[in-house]
């Protein structure tokens, strides 16, 4: 079971998404979402929209 809890800043200042995965808390960076199956699907629509906006901005660089 994967449940989205929220997002926060870690000690390095990067934004991480916090999930409960089988009862354990896991912090996942945006770039590592593909490495954790099911985490991207558990995100709310607003978080997915923000990730899409970030990817679009990076593609312009």
N, C-alpha and C. Protein backbone atom coordinates (compact mmCIF):
# COMPACT_ATOMS: atom_id res chain seq x y z
N UNK A 1 0.84 -1.18 0.00
CA UNK A 1 0.00 0.00 0.00
C UNK A 1 0.89 1.24 0.00
N UNK A 2 0.59 2.16 -0.89
CA UNK A 2 1.34 3.41 -0.98
C UNK A 2 0.37 4.55 -0.77
N UNK A 3 0.71 5.44 0.16
CA UNK A 3 -0.15 6.58 0.46
C UNK A 3 0.71 7.85 0.48
N UNK A 4 0.26 8.87 -0.22
CA UNK A 4 0.95 10.16 -0.26
C UNK A 4 0.64 10.93 1.01
N UNK A 5 1.70 11.45 1.66
CA UNK A 5 1.53 12.21 2.90
C UNK A 5 1.67 13.71 2.64
N UNK A 6 2.68 14.09 1.86
CA UNK A 6 2.91 15.50 1.57
C UNK A 6 4.30 15.72 1.01
N UNK A 7 4.68 16.98 0.90
CA UNK A 7 6.03 17.28 0.44
C UNK A 7 6.68 18.20 1.44
N UNK A 8 8.02 18.15 1.49
CA UNK A 8 8.77 18.96 2.43
C UNK A 8 10.17 19.19 1.88
N UNK A 9 10.93 20.03 2.53
CA UNK A 9 12.32 20.28 2.17
C UNK A 9 13.21 19.40 3.04
N UNK A 10 14.24 18.82 2.45
CA UNK A 10 15.17 18.04 3.25
C UNK A 10 16.33 18.92 3.71
N UNK A 11 17.31 18.35 4.36
CA UNK A 11 18.43 19.11 4.91
C UNK A 11 19.25 19.82 3.84
N UNK A 12 19.24 19.28 2.63
CA UNK A 12 19.99 19.88 1.52
C UNK A 12 19.22 20.98 0.81
N UNK A 13 17.97 21.17 1.18
CA UNK A 13 17.14 22.20 0.58
C UNK A 13 16.34 21.72 -0.61
N UNK A 14 16.41 20.44 -0.93
CA UNK A 14 15.66 19.89 -2.06
C UNK A 14 14.26 19.50 -1.61
N UNK A 15 13.31 19.60 -2.52
CA UNK A 15 11.94 19.19 -2.22
C UNK A 15 11.84 17.68 -2.36
N UNK A 16 11.26 17.04 -1.36
CA UNK A 16 11.03 15.60 -1.39
C UNK A 16 9.55 15.32 -1.14
N UNK A 17 9.07 14.26 -1.73
CA UNK A 17 7.69 13.83 -1.54
C UNK A 17 7.70 12.72 -0.50
N UNK A 18 6.80 12.81 0.46
CA UNK A 18 6.76 11.86 1.57
C UNK A 18 5.60 10.89 1.35
N UNK A 19 5.91 9.60 1.44
CA UNK A 19 4.93 8.54 1.24
C UNK A 19 4.96 7.59 2.43
N UNK A 20 3.86 6.92 2.66
CA UNK A 20 3.82 5.77 3.56
C UNK A 20 3.76 4.54 2.66
N UNK A 21 4.80 3.74 2.70
CA UNK A 21 4.88 2.55 1.88
C UNK A 21 4.88 1.35 2.82
N UNK A 22 3.80 0.62 2.81
CA UNK A 22 3.62 -0.54 3.70
C UNK A 22 3.87 -0.17 5.15
N UNK A 23 3.41 1.00 5.56
CA UNK A 23 3.53 1.43 6.95
C UNK A 23 4.82 2.14 7.29
N UNK A 24 5.77 2.22 6.38
CA UNK A 24 7.04 2.89 6.63
C UNK A 24 7.10 4.20 5.86
N UNK A 25 7.62 5.24 6.50
CA UNK A 25 7.72 6.55 5.85
C UNK A 25 8.93 6.56 4.93
N UNK A 26 8.74 7.05 3.72
CA UNK A 26 9.80 7.11 2.72
C UNK A 26 9.78 8.47 2.07
N UNK A 27 10.94 9.12 1.99
CA UNK A 27 11.08 10.40 1.30
C UNK A 27 11.69 10.15 -0.07
N UNK A 28 11.02 10.65 -1.12
CA UNK A 28 11.46 10.39 -2.49
C UNK A 28 11.62 11.72 -3.20
N UNK A 29 12.78 11.93 -3.82
CA UNK A 29 13.00 13.12 -4.63
C UNK A 29 12.22 13.01 -5.93
N UNK A 30 11.96 14.16 -6.54
CA UNK A 30 11.20 14.19 -7.79
C UNK A 30 11.89 13.36 -8.87
N UNK A 31 13.20 13.45 -8.95
CA UNK A 31 13.94 12.72 -9.98
C UNK A 31 13.96 11.21 -9.74
N UNK A 32 13.63 10.76 -8.54
CA UNK A 32 13.67 9.34 -8.22
C UNK A 32 12.29 8.69 -8.18
N UNK A 33 11.26 9.41 -8.59
CA UNK A 33 9.91 8.85 -8.53
C UNK A 33 9.76 7.61 -9.42
N UNK A 34 10.47 7.58 -10.55
CA UNK A 34 10.37 6.43 -11.45
C UNK A 34 11.02 5.19 -10.85
N UNK A 35 11.91 5.36 -9.89
CA UNK A 35 12.58 4.22 -9.27
C UNK A 35 11.72 3.55 -8.21
N UNK A 36 10.64 4.19 -7.80
CA UNK A 36 9.74 3.66 -6.78
C UNK A 36 8.38 3.43 -7.41
N UNK A 37 8.11 2.19 -7.85
CA UNK A 37 6.85 1.90 -8.55
C UNK A 37 5.62 2.24 -7.71
N UNK A 38 4.68 2.93 -8.33
CA UNK A 38 3.43 3.27 -7.68
C UNK A 38 3.42 4.61 -7.00
N UNK A 39 4.58 5.20 -6.73
CA UNK A 39 4.63 6.48 -6.02
C UNK A 39 4.08 7.61 -6.88
N UNK A 40 4.46 7.64 -8.16
CA UNK A 40 3.96 8.72 -9.02
C UNK A 40 2.44 8.64 -9.15
N UNK A 41 1.91 7.43 -9.24
CA UNK A 41 0.47 7.25 -9.37
C UNK A 41 -0.27 7.68 -8.11
N UNK A 42 0.40 7.63 -6.95
CA UNK A 42 -0.24 8.00 -5.68
C UNK A 42 -0.27 9.50 -5.46
N UNK A 43 0.45 10.27 -6.27
CA UNK A 43 0.48 11.72 -6.12
C UNK A 43 -0.86 12.34 -6.49
N UNK A 44 -1.25 13.43 -5.83
CA UNK A 44 -2.47 14.15 -6.24
C UNK A 44 -2.22 14.90 -7.56
N UNK A 45 -3.29 15.31 -8.19
CA UNK A 45 -3.20 15.99 -9.48
C UNK A 45 -2.38 17.27 -9.40
N UNK A 46 -2.46 18.00 -8.29
CA UNK A 46 -1.70 19.25 -8.16
C UNK A 46 -0.19 18.99 -8.15
N UNK A 47 0.24 17.91 -7.51
CA UNK A 47 1.67 17.58 -7.48
C UNK A 47 2.14 17.12 -8.86
N UNK A 48 1.30 16.36 -9.56
CA UNK A 48 1.66 15.92 -10.91
C UNK A 48 1.77 17.12 -11.85
N UNK A 49 0.89 18.11 -11.67
CA UNK A 49 0.94 19.32 -12.51
C UNK A 49 2.22 20.10 -12.23
N UNK A 50 2.63 20.18 -10.97
CA UNK A 50 3.87 20.88 -10.63
C UNK A 50 5.08 20.17 -11.22
N UNK A 51 5.09 18.86 -11.19
CA UNK A 51 6.19 18.09 -11.77
C UNK A 51 6.24 18.31 -13.28
N UNK A 52 5.08 18.32 -13.93
CA UNK A 52 5.04 18.56 -15.37
C UNK A 52 5.55 19.96 -15.70
N UNK A 53 5.21 20.94 -14.88
CA UNK A 53 5.69 22.31 -15.10
C UNK A 53 7.20 22.37 -14.91
N UNK A 54 7.72 21.68 -13.93
CA UNK A 54 9.17 21.65 -13.70
C UNK A 54 9.89 21.02 -14.88
N UNK A 55 9.34 19.92 -15.40
CA UNK A 55 9.97 19.25 -16.55
C UNK A 55 9.93 20.12 -17.80
N UNK A 56 8.83 20.84 -17.99
CA UNK A 56 8.72 21.72 -19.14
C UNK A 56 9.73 22.85 -19.02
N UNK A 57 9.88 23.41 -17.84
CA UNK A 57 10.85 24.48 -17.63
C UNK A 57 12.27 23.99 -17.89
N UNK A 58 12.59 22.78 -17.41
CA UNK A 58 13.92 22.24 -17.64
C UNK A 58 14.19 21.96 -19.11
N UNK A 59 13.17 21.60 -19.86
CA UNK A 59 13.36 21.28 -21.28
C UNK A 59 13.71 22.54 -22.09
N UNK A 60 13.39 23.72 -21.55
CA UNK A 60 13.69 24.96 -22.25
C UNK A 60 15.14 25.40 -22.07
N UNK A 61 15.82 24.83 -21.10
CA UNK A 61 17.21 25.23 -20.84
C UNK A 61 18.16 24.69 -21.85
